[in-house]
Protein backbone atom coordinates (compact mmCIF):
# COMPACT_ATOMS: atom_id res chain seq x y z
CA MET A 1 1.62 -23.61 -0.62
CA ARG A 2 1.46 -20.67 -3.00
CA ILE A 3 4.40 -19.57 -5.10
CA MET A 4 4.22 -15.99 -6.34
CA ILE A 5 5.51 -15.50 -9.89
CA GLN A 6 6.76 -12.05 -10.81
CA PRO A 7 6.57 -10.91 -14.43
CA PRO A 8 9.95 -10.08 -15.96
CA ASP A 9 9.08 -6.37 -15.96
CA HIS A 10 7.09 -4.66 -13.18
CA THR A 11 5.14 -2.73 -15.82
CA SER A 12 3.97 -5.92 -17.53
CA GLY A 13 0.25 -6.52 -17.73
CA ALA A 14 -1.91 -9.56 -17.10
CA ARG A 15 -0.93 -11.20 -20.38
CA HIS A 16 2.77 -11.21 -19.45
CA ALA A 17 2.04 -12.47 -15.95
CA GLY A 18 -0.11 -15.25 -17.43
CA GLU A 19 2.71 -16.22 -19.77
CA GLU A 20 5.11 -16.44 -16.81
CA VAL A 21 2.65 -18.64 -14.93
CA SER A 22 2.35 -20.96 -17.95
CA LYS A 23 6.12 -21.14 -18.21
CA ALA A 24 6.40 -21.81 -14.46
CA LEU A 25 3.86 -24.63 -14.64
CA GLU A 26 5.85 -26.24 -17.47
CA VAL A 27 9.11 -25.93 -15.51
CA LEU A 28 7.55 -27.47 -12.40
CA ASN A 29 5.98 -30.27 -14.43
CA ASP A 30 9.37 -31.04 -16.02
CA ALA A 31 10.90 -31.12 -12.52
CA PHE A 32 8.22 -33.62 -11.39
CA ILE A 33 6.72 -31.16 -8.92
CA LYS A 34 2.96 -31.53 -8.60
CA THR A 35 0.84 -28.41 -8.78
CA GLU A 36 -2.82 -27.72 -8.21
CA GLY A 37 -2.92 -24.97 -10.83
CA GLY A 38 -2.05 -21.36 -11.33
CA GLY A 39 -3.36 -18.01 -12.41
CA THR A 40 -2.99 -14.28 -11.95
CA MET A 41 -4.22 -11.79 -9.38
CA THR A 42 -4.20 -8.01 -9.27
CA GLY A 43 -3.53 -5.83 -6.26
CA ASP A 44 -2.75 -2.11 -6.20
CA GLY A 45 -2.64 -2.12 -10.00
CA ILE A 46 0.12 -4.75 -10.10
CA VAL A 47 -0.52 -8.13 -11.71
CA THR A 48 1.16 -11.12 -10.08
CA GLY A 49 1.15 -14.77 -11.05
CA VAL A 50 0.38 -17.52 -8.57
CA VAL A 51 1.12 -21.24 -8.70
CA VAL A 52 -0.30 -23.56 -6.04
CA LEU A 53 1.95 -26.50 -5.18
CA GLY A 54 0.53 -29.91 -4.44
CA SER A 55 2.79 -30.28 -1.39
CA ASP A 56 4.44 -27.76 0.94
CA ASP A 57 7.45 -30.08 1.01
CA ASP A 58 8.20 -29.19 -2.63
CA ALA A 59 8.58 -25.43 -2.03
CA ALA A 60 12.39 -25.30 -1.90
CA LYS A 61 12.72 -27.60 -4.92
CA ALA A 62 10.16 -25.51 -6.83
CA LEU A 63 11.92 -22.21 -6.09
CA ASP A 64 15.23 -23.75 -7.18
CA ALA A 65 13.78 -25.07 -10.46
CA LEU A 66 12.06 -21.77 -11.23
CA GLY A 67 15.19 -19.78 -10.45
CA LYS A 68 17.27 -21.96 -12.78
CA ALA A 69 14.69 -21.27 -15.50
CA GLY A 70 15.03 -17.51 -14.98
CA ILE A 71 11.63 -17.09 -13.37
CA LYS A 72 11.39 -14.69 -10.41
CA ALA A 73 9.44 -16.46 -7.69
CA SER A 74 8.86 -16.34 -3.95
CA ILE A 75 6.73 -18.08 -1.37
CA GLY A 76 3.48 -16.22 -0.90
């Protein structure tokens, strides 16, 4: 299951998206949610972060943990 991580500002570049992915991975690790990694991707000039969860069953818990940490995320 992929979780899409939005940078705090839609005009942010790859560096900001990468920072949000790093922050998201830390939050998920602290919440004991296994991940398979993360990174960034670009489409239509917009950079988006992606985190891959280890289990689809953790999606709701992951979105909740990320939301509480102030990270904009959605299932992708």
